[in-house]
Structure formats: C-alpha cells, structure tokens
Amino acid sequence: MWKFLKTEMLVILAMTENADRTDAEIADACDLNKGTVSSVRRRLLDSGAVHYAYVPALNKLGCEMLVFHYGATDPGVRSDTKASHYMEFCNRTPQIYHALIGGNFVIFYTALRNATEFETVVQSHNSFFTGSKRASKAKLTSVIFPFALSRFTSIPQFAPIVHDYFKLDVASPKRVPVNSVDTNPADLSKKDKEVLTAMVANPSASDREIASSVKLSRQAVTRMRNRYSEEGLLTRICVPRLYRWGFEICAVAHPKFSMSLDWDKRMKSQPRDVLERSFYTLSKADESVAIYTFSKFTEYSEKLENVLGWYHRVKAFEESPELLLFSLDRSTELRTFDYAPSVKQLLTS
C-alpha cells in the first residue's frame, strides 16, 4: 500500500478539491511553504499518484445523452485476453470516456449525440466481438441517461474519498451536487473547437504549449481558457489513482427504483453516503448508476449494509439492485475520465 507523508496528503486533498489552485494558493490554505508545495505536486504527478483531466460540459457540445454499458464476460477466458480485446475496442470507440474491466465484468460510459449514435456504438461492439474475439464478448446491457430526463455528478468528485481516507483534521470538502443540465449548444468558432480539443487532450499543458500547437498567441489562449472556465465549458480535475494507493474494491451500483416514491423526496432524504461516497453518479427517476471505491473489503461490507437498510425500509427498490464488484489489483483501467476522444468526435463531426 502506498504511504504518503502528511504534506503530500494535504497537497493531494487541496488538488482534488480544486485542481486550478496555484502552488501559492495551496501553500496558503495548507500552511506550507510554496516551494514545498511545488516540489510535492511535481513528485505526485511524476510518480503517477495523481493526474489531471479536463471535464467538458458535454451537454453544450452536441451530446444529448450519457450511457452506462455493462456486461458479464466468460470466466473461462483469460483475463489478460479479455482486457486486451476491450482495450482495443475502447481505442476504436471515441465515444467512451470511462471504462474498467476486471473479474467477470466490464463497464464503460459513452457520451452520445443521439439514439442513432447509440445504436452505432452497440452495433460496433457486436461487430468487433466476432470471429476470434467472440469468446471475450460481454453480454451487454445499456442504461440510457438523456440530459433532459436525468441528473448527474457532472464533475467527478474525489475530494470526499481522499478526505475520508487520509483522516486529516481539516474541514470536509463540499460535495459536488447531482444536478440537471440543459442541452443548449455553445456558440463555438472553428478556432474555439481546435483550442478546446487541444486543452482536453493535454490537461497539464501550459497556455504557451497549447498556443504553439494551435498557432495562436499565448495571450489569446489564456483568454480562451479563462472564458471556457467562466462559462462552465471546461473544468479541470485532479484524479487520484486509488488503485495504486492500495484501494481494494470498486463497486458499481445499478438500482431500479419504484416510481411510487417521489424522486425529489428520495434524493433529499437518502443516506449521505449514497452521494458522498460515489465519485460519479448518473440518476433518473426510475434508476441510477453510482461508482464507489473502498480501501478495504470490510469497509465496503459495512457501508453497503448501512445504505441498503434505508432503501429497504422506505421500499425504494423496484427490484433488487445490481452490484458489480471489481478487485482493483486484478482489474484494468481501459479509460479513466479521458474525454479527449469524445470531444474530438463531437466537435469535428
């Protein structure tokens, strides 16, 4: 298990709370020296303990729905073979922005323009897993979350998990709310699309580096980056590589809810752990998908028992929820909140 110094814990927490914080801002918030923060941040990024990513407002880029796909794979097929085949499928499918395979399950999330593109992805999956790859194919189930009918954790939230794991004597970070969003497209010029795509593909690149790649001045890129941030088009996040820290379990919950229980009432009264422990949630009135990580299996068992008890008491479930468990040391991250292929697909089509 990866061991962190207290200074490293403080910097990681500050980075996951707000990835745009400067070294000076982190130093001030954590009562550290600016040079120390700069050195620690660089060391954490170089070691792979954390990495940066840009989350685009997909609903403003021509995307109408997010889809969760999951399926069981044949336990008789070698794990490395299945992982290799699904990695190749991900590389051929730009709509996928997050994916994981492990044990006998595979999950992936897609950002899609419309129902036609949904069918295209599903047919592409069926076509890819033919012939010699057929044995690796998962029996796929897809859950569609249209923006117009759903609520989302639009920004993946890792700070509460980091705070709970490090048990630092500092204030708990604010939770990112699960909200609805509109689908009004942003007015983007050709150069806007080029710059935005470059930024998402290179989240650690400086304005000068982006400017060089898109043939603009550094000042112009800085203005554009600031505008994208102010308009909510791009949000930079710091993603902790929890599987490298020694986290044991990733759990993906897919419950289906009774429509007799008011959606707003359920959302407001359900246990705090449901939202605070999930770093990414898609929800609609009759079902949702949430992703949780736990440092130990015993922690997962305790949290699950506490949470499920409330749901059963209020008779929230239409049927027993599906729980997909991944042993992180035996799983493969196929794509980790990497939105670059999806953004390029949306903005160049």
Protein backbone atom coordinates (compact mmCIF):
# COMPACT_ATOMS: atom_id res chain seq x y z
CA MET A 1 0.00 0.00 0.00
CA TRP A 2 1.28 3.44 -0.95
CA LYS A 3 2.27 5.53 2.09
CA PHE A 4 2.03 9.33 1.97
CA LEU A 5 3.65 11.97 4.14
CA LYS A 6 1.32 14.47 5.80
CA THR A 7 2.49 17.23 3.45
CA GLU A 8 1.64 15.00 0.49
CA MET A 9 -1.81 14.25 1.94
CA LEU A 10 -2.54 17.95 2.38
CA VAL A 11 -1.45 18.79 -1.16
CA ILE A 12 -3.42 15.90 -2.68
CA LEU A 13 -6.55 16.96 -0.82
CA ALA A 14 -6.11 20.57 -1.96
CA MET A 15 -5.57 19.43 -5.57
CA THR A 16 -8.64 17.17 -5.60
CA GLU A 17 -10.78 19.92 -4.03
CA ASN A 18 -9.77 22.43 -6.72
CA ALA A 19 -7.39 21.42 -9.50
CA ASP A 20 -6.90 25.05 -10.58
CA ARG A 21 -5.24 26.08 -7.33
CA THR A 22 -1.76 27.53 -7.73
CA ASP A 23 1.18 26.48 -5.59
CA ALA A 24 0.82 29.74 -3.66
CA GLU A 25 -2.89 29.14 -3.02
CA ILE A 26 -2.27 25.58 -1.81
CA ALA A 27 0.60 26.76 0.39
CA ASP A 28 -1.61 29.41 1.96
CA ALA A 29 -4.53 27.01 2.50
CA CYS A 30 -2.34 24.26 4.00
CA ASP A 31 0.13 26.46 5.91
CA LEU A 32 3.04 25.17 3.84
CA ASN A 33 5.96 26.72 2.01
CA LYS A 34 5.29 27.48 -1.67
CA GLY A 35 8.50 25.71 -2.70
CA THR A 36 7.46 22.64 -0.73
CA VAL A 37 4.08 22.56 -2.47
CA SER A 38 5.71 22.91 -5.89
CA SER A 39 8.10 20.03 -5.15
CA VAL A 40 5.37 17.79 -3.71
CA ARG A 41 2.97 18.46 -6.58
CA ARG A 42 5.62 17.65 -9.16
CA ARG A 43 6.60 14.46 -7.32
CA LEU A 44 2.99 13.29 -7.06
CA LEU A 45 2.36 13.85 -10.78
CA ASP A 46 5.65 12.27 -11.86
CA SER A 47 5.06 9.18 -9.71
CA GLY A 48 1.56 8.67 -11.09
CA ALA A 49 -0.14 9.03 -7.71
CA VAL A 50 -2.48 11.60 -9.27
CA HIS A 51 -3.11 13.03 -12.71
CA TYR A 52 -5.05 15.91 -14.24
CA ALA A 53 -8.02 15.67 -16.57
CA TYR A 54 -10.41 18.14 -18.15
CA VAL A 55 -14.14 17.53 -17.83
CA PRO A 56 -16.06 19.20 -20.68
CA ALA A 57 -19.69 20.28 -20.48
CA LEU A 58 -20.75 17.57 -22.91
CA ASN A 59 -24.35 18.85 -22.86
CA LYS A 60 -23.08 22.07 -24.53
CA LEU A 61 -21.07 20.25 -27.19
CA GLY A 62 -23.87 18.46 -29.04
CA CYS A 63 -24.20 15.48 -26.68
CA GLU A 64 -27.79 14.54 -25.76
CA MET A 65 -27.22 11.51 -23.54
CA LEU A 66 -24.75 9.60 -21.40
CA VAL A 67 -24.98 5.82 -21.43
CA PHE A 68 -23.74 3.24 -18.95
CA HIS A 69 -22.89 -0.12 -20.51
CA TYR A 70 -22.09 -3.24 -18.51
CA GLY A 71 -21.91 -6.95 -19.01
CA ALA A 72 -20.64 -10.27 -17.71
CA THR A 73 -17.79 -11.96 -19.54
CA ASP A 74 -16.94 -15.64 -19.84
CA PRO A 75 -14.91 -16.68 -16.75
CA GLY A 76 -13.28 -19.39 -18.85
CA VAL A 77 -11.43 -16.82 -21.00
CA ARG A 78 -8.09 -15.49 -19.74
CA SER A 79 -8.38 -12.11 -18.02
CA ASP A 80 -5.48 -10.60 -19.97
CA THR A 81 -7.07 -11.67 -23.26
CA LYS A 82 -10.39 -10.03 -22.39
CA ALA A 83 -8.61 -6.89 -21.19
CA SER A 84 -6.57 -6.70 -24.39
CA HIS A 85 -9.64 -7.07 -26.59
CA TYR A 86 -11.64 -4.46 -24.68
CA MET A 87 -8.70 -2.08 -24.70
CA GLU A 88 -8.64 -2.37 -28.49
CA PHE A 89 -12.40 -1.79 -28.62
CA CYS A 90 -12.04 1.34 -26.47
CA ASN A 91 -9.29 2.66 -28.71
CA ARG A 92 -11.64 2.26 -31.68
CA THR A 93 -14.61 3.87 -29.92
CA PRO A 94 -14.10 7.58 -29.25
CA GLN A 95 -17.46 7.94 -27.51
CA ILE A 96 -16.10 6.04 -24.47
CA TYR A 97 -14.75 8.31 -21.73
CA HIS A 98 -14.50 5.90 -18.77
CA ALA A 99 -14.10 2.11 -18.76
CA LEU A 100 -12.96 -0.71 -16.49
CA ILE A 101 -12.65 -4.47 -16.82
CA GLY A 102 -11.95 -6.99 -14.10
CA GLY A 103 -13.15 -10.32 -12.77
CA ASN A 104 -16.10 -11.31 -14.92
CA PHE A 105 -17.43 -7.81 -15.68
CA VAL A 106 -16.73 -4.92 -18.00
CA ILE A 107 -18.23 -1.43 -17.71
CA PHE A 108 -17.91 1.61 -19.93
CA TYR A 109 -19.55 5.01 -20.26
CA THR A 110 -20.28 6.77 -23.54
CA ALA A 111 -21.18 10.34 -24.50
CA LEU A 112 -23.58 10.22 -27.44
CA ARG A 113 -25.23 12.76 -29.69
CA ASN A 114 -28.46 10.87 -30.22
CA ALA A 115 -30.20 7.49 -30.42
CA THR A 116 -28.66 6.79 -33.82
CA GLU A 117 -25.16 7.07 -32.40
CA PHE A 118 -26.19 4.82 -29.50
CA GLU A 119 -27.22 2.12 -31.96
CA THR A 120 -23.96 2.64 -33.85
CA VAL A 121 -21.89 2.01 -30.71
CA VAL A 122 -23.87 -1.10 -29.79
CA GLN A 123 -23.59 -2.49 -33.31
CA SER A 124 -19.88 -1.65 -33.34
CA HIS A 125 -19.47 -3.68 -30.15
CA ASN A 126 -21.31 -6.65 -31.65
CA SER A 127 -19.31 -6.39 -34.86
CA PHE A 128 -15.96 -6.09 -33.11
CA PHE A 129 -16.52 -9.18 -30.99
CA THR A 130 -16.94 -11.67 -33.81
CA GLY A 131 -14.63 -14.40 -35.03
CA SER A 132 -11.54 -14.90 -32.85
CA LYS A 133 -12.68 -12.22 -30.34
CA ARG A 134 -16.15 -13.69 -29.81
CA ALA A 135 -15.17 -15.51 -26.60
CA SER A 136 -14.20 -12.19 -24.94
CA LYS A 137 -17.54 -10.56 -25.63
CA ALA A 138 -19.65 -9.45 -22.68
CA LYS A 139 -23.41 -9.84 -22.75
CA LEU A 140 -24.05 -6.11 -22.83
CA THR A 141 -26.79 -4.16 -21.04
CA SER A 142 -27.07 -0.41 -21.64
CA VAL A 143 -28.76 2.19 -19.44
CA ILE A 144 -29.53 5.50 -21.19
CA PHE A 145 -29.48 8.80 -19.29
CA PRO A 146 -30.82 11.61 -21.52
CA PHE A 147 -29.80 15.04 -20.22
CA ALA A 148 -33.42 16.20 -20.44
CA LEU A 149 -34.61 13.50 -18.01
CA SER A 150 -31.61 12.97 -15.76
CA ARG A 151 -29.36 14.41 -13.10
CA PHE A 152 -25.63 13.94 -12.95
CA THR A 153 -22.47 14.38 -10.97
CA SER A 154 -21.25 16.46 -13.88
CA ILE A 155 -17.80 16.77 -12.27
CA PRO A 156 -16.37 13.52 -10.83
CA GLN A 157 -15.76 14.10 -7.11
CA PHE A 158 -12.73 12.57 -5.43
CA ALA A 159 -12.06 15.03 -2.59
CA PRO A 160 -14.55 13.40 -0.13
CA ILE A 161 -12.94 9.99 -0.72
CA VAL A 162 -9.43 11.43 -0.23
CA HIS A 163 -10.51 13.31 2.90
CA ASP A 164 -12.08 10.20 4.42
CA TYR A 165 -9.08 8.03 3.53
CA PHE A 166 -6.39 10.36 4.93
CA LYS A 167 -8.45 11.26 8.04
CA LEU A 168 -6.84 14.68 8.24
CA ASP A 169 -8.01 17.11 10.88
CA VAL A 170 -9.30 19.62 8.32
CA ALA A 171 -12.78 20.62 7.18
CA SER A 172 -14.63 18.17 4.94
CA PRO A 173 -14.75 19.26 1.29
CA LYS A 174 -18.02 20.35 -0.23
CA ARG A 175 -19.83 17.69 -2.23
CA VAL A 176 -20.46 18.29 -5.93
CA PRO A 177 -24.26 18.28 -6.28
CA VAL A 178 -26.17 15.90 -8.51
CA ASN A 179 -27.93 18.35 -10.82
CA SER A 180 -29.88 18.54 -14.04
CA VAL A 181 -28.38 20.34 -17.03
CA ASP A 182 -29.72 21.87 -20.23
CA THR A 183 -28.71 20.91 -23.76
CA ASN A 184 -28.28 24.35 -25.27
CA PRO A 185 -25.23 24.13 -27.58
CA ALA A 186 -22.37 26.56 -27.03
CA ASP A 187 -21.53 29.01 -29.81
CA LEU A 188 -18.03 27.90 -30.76
CA SER A 189 -15.89 29.09 -33.64
CA LYS A 190 -13.63 26.77 -35.59
CA LYS A 191 -10.64 28.01 -33.58
CA ASP A 192 -12.57 27.57 -30.32
CA LYS A 193 -13.15 23.93 -31.16
CA GLU A 194 -9.49 23.44 -32.01
CA VAL A 195 -8.28 25.03 -28.77
CA LEU A 196 -10.85 23.29 -26.59
CA THR A 197 -9.95 19.90 -28.10
CA ALA A 198 -6.24 20.55 -27.53
CA MET A 199 -6.84 21.50 -23.89
CA VAL A 200 -8.89 18.40 -23.12
CA ALA A 201 -6.27 16.20 -24.80
CA ASN A 202 -3.42 17.86 -22.87
CA PRO A 203 -4.76 18.85 -19.42
CA SER A 204 -1.28 19.55 -18.00
CA ALA A 205 -0.12 21.67 -20.96
CA SER A 206 0.64 25.34 -20.40
CA ASP A 207 -1.04 28.12 -22.37
CA ARG A 208 2.22 28.60 -24.24
CA GLU A 209 2.33 24.92 -25.26
CA ILE A 210 -1.32 24.97 -26.39
CA ALA A 211 -0.69 28.21 -28.29
CA SER A 212 2.20 26.64 -30.15
CA SER A 213 0.09 23.63 -31.20
CA VAL A 214 -2.88 25.69 -32.46
CA LYS A 215 -0.91 28.61 -33.94
CA LEU A 216 -2.23 31.35 -31.64
CA SER A 217 -0.59 33.75 -29.20
CA ARG A 218 -0.20 32.72 -25.59
CA GLN A 219 -2.36 35.67 -24.53
CA ALA A 220 -5.20 34.56 -26.83
CA VAL A 221 -5.12 31.02 -25.41
CA THR A 222 -5.14 32.37 -21.84
CA ARG A 223 -8.24 34.46 -22.61
CA MET A 224 -9.95 31.46 -24.20
CA ARG A 225 -9.10 29.16 -21.29
CA ASN A 226 -10.49 31.70 -18.82
CA ARG A 227 -13.67 32.06 -20.87
CA TYR A 228 -14.20 28.29 -21.08
CA SER A 229 -13.83 28.10 -17.30
CA GLU A 230 -16.18 31.02 -16.62
CA GLU A 231 -18.83 29.62 -19.00
CA GLY A 232 -18.55 26.14 -17.48
CA LEU A 233 -17.34 24.57 -20.72
CA LEU A 234 -14.23 23.07 -19.13
CA THR A 235 -13.43 22.07 -15.57
CA ARG A 236 -10.02 20.73 -14.68
CA ILE A 237 -9.96 17.97 -12.06
CA CYS A 238 -7.24 16.08 -10.24
CA VAL A 239 -7.84 12.32 -10.38
CA PRO A 240 -6.21 10.19 -7.64
CA ARG A 241 -5.09 6.79 -8.91
CA LEU A 242 -6.69 4.98 -6.00
CA TYR A 243 -5.83 1.52 -7.26
CA ARG A 244 -2.15 2.45 -6.91
CA TRP A 245 -2.73 3.63 -3.36
CA GLY A 246 -3.85 0.18 -2.27
CA PHE A 247 -7.63 0.59 -2.56
CA GLU A 248 -9.10 -2.90 -2.84
CA ILE A 249 -12.63 -2.59 -4.17
CA CYS A 250 -14.52 -0.69 -6.84
CA ALA A 251 -18.27 -1.19 -6.60
CA VAL A 252 -20.74 -0.09 -9.27
CA ALA A 253 -24.38 0.03 -8.16
CA HIS A 254 -27.30 -0.05 -10.60
CA PRO A 255 -30.56 0.17 -8.64
CA LYS A 256 -34.03 0.42 -10.17
CA PHE A 257 -36.47 2.46 -8.13
CA SER A 258 -40.19 2.29 -7.50
CA MET A 259 -41.98 5.15 -9.21
CA SER A 260 -44.33 5.36 -6.21
CA LEU A 261 -41.52 7.05 -4.27
CA ASP A 262 -41.17 10.70 -5.25
CA TRP A 263 -37.78 11.30 -6.91
CA ASP A 264 -37.05 14.61 -5.15
CA LYS A 265 -38.03 13.17 -1.79
CA ARG A 266 -35.75 10.17 -2.30
CA MET A 267 -32.83 12.34 -3.39
CA LYS A 268 -33.16 14.64 -0.38
CA SER A 269 -33.75 12.02 2.30
CA GLN A 270 -31.48 9.14 1.24
CA PRO A 271 -28.33 8.49 3.34
CA ARG A 272 -25.48 10.97 2.76
CA ASP A 273 -23.11 8.09 1.95
CA VAL A 274 -25.07 7.34 -1.22
CA LEU A 275 -23.96 10.60 -2.82
CA GLU A 276 -20.81 11.45 -0.89
CA ARG A 277 -19.14 8.08 -1.40
CA SER A 278 -19.97 7.86 -5.12
CA PHE A 279 -17.42 9.77 -7.15
CA TYR A 280 -19.61 9.66 -10.24
CA THR A 281 -23.40 9.35 -10.34
CA LEU A 282 -25.98 9.23 -13.13
CA SER A 283 -29.58 9.34 -11.98
CA LYS A 284 -33.12 9.48 -13.29
CA ALA A 285 -36.50 8.90 -11.69
CA ASP A 286 -36.57 5.12 -12.11
CA GLU A 287 -32.89 4.11 -11.91
CA SER A 288 -29.36 5.30 -11.30
CA VAL A 289 -25.72 4.26 -11.57
CA ALA A 290 -23.09 5.15 -8.96
CA ILE A 291 -19.39 4.26 -8.60
CA TYR A 292 -17.73 3.70 -5.23
CA THR A 293 -14.20 2.81 -4.17
CA PHE A 294 -13.22 1.31 -0.84
CA SER A 295 -9.79 0.88 0.70
CA LYS A 296 -10.81 -2.42 2.28
CA PHE A 297 -13.46 -5.04 1.61
CA THR A 298 -14.66 -4.80 5.23
CA GLU A 299 -15.37 -1.11 4.70
CA TYR A 300 -17.46 -1.96 1.64
CA SER A 301 -19.49 -4.52 3.60
CA GLU A 302 -20.22 -2.10 6.45
CA LYS A 303 -21.22 0.79 4.17
CA LEU A 304 -23.38 -1.44 1.98
CA GLU A 305 -25.32 -2.76 4.95
CA ASN A 306 -25.97 0.73 6.31
CA VAL A 307 -27.09 2.15 2.98
CA LEU A 308 -29.28 -0.73 1.80
CA GLY A 309 -31.11 -0.80 5.11
CA TRP A 310 -32.63 2.64 4.49
CA TYR A 311 -33.72 1.80 0.94
CA HIS A 312 -35.46 -1.37 2.05
CA ARG A 313 -37.21 0.41 4.93
CA VAL A 314 -38.76 3.00 2.60
CA LYS A 315 -39.41 0.37 -0.10
CA ALA A 316 -37.45 2.34 -2.66
CA PHE A 317 -36.42 -0.53 -4.93
CA GLU A 318 -38.48 -1.84 -7.79
CA GLU A 319 -36.23 -4.90 -7.71
CA SER A 320 -33.00 -5.92 -6.03
CA PRO A 321 -30.15 -3.64 -7.16
CA GLU A 322 -27.35 -4.98 -9.30
CA LEU A 323 -23.90 -4.63 -7.72
CA LEU A 324 -20.78 -5.12 -9.82
CA LEU A 325 -17.60 -5.65 -7.80
CA PHE A 326 -14.08 -5.15 -9.11
CA SER A 327 -10.96 -6.20 -7.26
CA LEU A 328 -8.75 -3.24 -8.18
CA ASP A 329 -5.47 -5.14 -8.09
CA ARG A 330 -6.91 -7.55 -10.67
CA SER A 331 -8.70 -5.01 -12.85
CA THR A 332 -7.59 -2.94 -15.82
CA GLU A 333 -8.49 0.71 -16.35
CA LEU A 334 -9.33 0.92 -20.02
CA ARG A 335 -10.03 4.67 -19.97
CA THR A 336 -10.16 6.95 -16.92
CA PHE A 337 -12.29 10.04 -17.41
CA ASP A 338 -10.43 10.72 -20.63
CA TYR A 339 -12.83 12.91 -22.59
CA ALA A 340 -10.46 13.84 -25.41
CA PRO A 341 -11.69 11.23 -27.94
CA SER A 342 -15.34 12.09 -27.19
CA VAL A 343 -14.76 15.85 -27.51
CA LYS A 344 -12.90 15.42 -30.78
CA GLN A 345 -15.73 13.23 -32.08
CA LEU A 346 -18.38 15.76 -31.06
CA LEU A 347 -16.61 18.85 -32.35
CA THR A 348 -15.28 17.54 -35.65
CA SER A 349 -18.38 15.72 -36.89
